[in-house]
Protein backbone atom coordinates (compact mmCIF):
# COMPACT_ATOMS: atom_id res chain seq x y z
CA MET A 1 114.41 86.89 81.39
CA ALA A 2 117.93 87.70 82.99
CA LEU A 3 118.57 88.63 86.16
CA ILE A 4 119.45 92.51 87.44
CA GLU A 5 123.46 92.35 87.95
CA THR A 6 124.14 96.10 89.00
CA GLU A 7 123.71 97.77 92.09
CA GLU A 8 122.32 100.91 90.45
CA ALA A 9 119.42 98.75 88.37
CA ALA A 10 118.57 96.66 91.53
CA ARG A 11 117.89 100.13 93.80
CA ARG A 12 115.99 101.22 90.85
CA LEU A 13 113.92 98.14 90.62
CA ALA A 14 113.56 98.38 94.38
CA ARG A 15 112.87 101.90 94.52
CA ALA A 16 110.05 101.26 91.77
CA ILE A 17 108.24 98.36 93.94
CA ALA A 18 108.43 100.69 96.80
CA SER A 19 106.96 103.52 95.05
CA ASP A 20 104.06 101.38 93.54
CA LEU A 21 103.12 100.02 97.10
CA SER A 22 103.05 103.86 98.35
CA LEU A 23 101.21 104.89 95.13
CA TYR A 24 98.75 101.98 95.84
CA ASN A 25 98.13 102.06 99.61
CA GLU A 26 98.24 105.29 100.80
CA GLU A 27 95.65 104.95 103.34
CA LYS A 28 97.62 101.69 104.97
CA ILE A 29 100.51 103.46 105.06
CA VAL A 30 99.64 106.75 106.88
CA LYS A 31 97.35 104.52 109.33
CA GLY A 32 100.37 102.05 109.88
CA VAL A 33 102.52 104.75 110.53
CA GLN A 34 100.01 106.37 113.15
CA ALA A 35 99.77 102.98 115.17
CA ASP A 36 103.22 102.03 114.64
CA ASN A 37 102.14 98.80 112.93
CA LEU A 38 103.33 99.96 109.22
CA TYR A 39 104.87 96.41 108.65
CA GLU A 40 101.73 94.48 109.99
CA GLU A 41 99.30 96.69 108.22
CA LEU A 42 101.04 96.00 104.75
CA SER A 43 103.00 92.42 105.58
CA GLY A 44 101.30 90.92 102.44
CA GLU A 45 102.16 93.59 99.95
CA ILE A 46 105.63 94.37 101.40
CA GLU A 47 106.31 90.58 101.12
CA GLU A 48 104.72 90.45 97.47
CA GLY A 49 107.27 93.39 96.33
CA ARG A 50 109.87 91.37 98.16
CA ALA A 51 109.20 88.14 96.32
CA LEU A 52 109.28 90.23 92.73
CA PHE A 53 112.48 91.82 93.84
CA LYS A 54 114.39 88.83 94.48
CA SER A 55 112.83 86.97 91.66
CA ARG A 56 114.74 89.75 89.47
CA VAL A 57 118.04 90.36 91.02
CA SER A 58 121.13 88.36 91.36
CA PRO A 59 121.60 86.57 94.75
CA ASP A 60 124.68 88.99 95.70
CA LEU A 61 122.11 92.09 95.11
CA TYR A 62 119.55 90.80 97.01
CA ALA A 63 121.60 90.01 100.08
CA LYS A 64 122.57 93.81 100.05
CA ASN A 65 118.69 94.74 101.45
CA PHE A 66 118.51 97.52 98.62
CA TYR A 67 114.69 96.27 99.25
CA ASP A 68 114.53 96.99 102.72
CA ARG A 69 116.08 100.51 102.14
CA ALA A 70 113.65 101.37 99.66
CA ILE A 71 110.58 100.45 101.71
CA ILE A 72 112.54 102.56 104.67
CA ASP A 73 113.15 105.50 102.31
CA ILE A 74 109.66 105.62 100.40
CA LEU A 75 107.06 104.43 102.94
CA VAL A 76 108.75 105.32 106.24
CA ARG A 77 110.72 108.73 105.46
CA SER A 78 108.37 110.19 103.12
CA LYS A 79 105.66 110.11 105.94
CA GLY A 80 107.85 112.20 108.58
CA HIS A 81 104.62 114.31 108.20
CA VAL A 82 102.29 111.95 109.82
CA GLN A 83 101.81 112.14 113.38
CA SER A 84 103.11 109.00 115.09
CA LYS A 85 104.36 107.35 118.13
CA LEU A 86 107.86 106.67 116.20
CA TRP A 87 108.45 110.16 116.49
């Protein structure tokens, strides 16, 4: 399979992976936001998604942090309604 070479496709892939994490780990995400330890709560899942993203995009696109941005947008911002020490 050819590597993704466009920013738009890389963003879509990053958001799809983060959306899957959100869909399948809702309880862990809420728990992590509430306890201010989201990364620790989901470290295995986040790193597995990162490895998948890295394997599918060109090194130049990987370096642009699309995956990290998608994690923040989808896992953190979408949980703004959850009581947390963060906000």
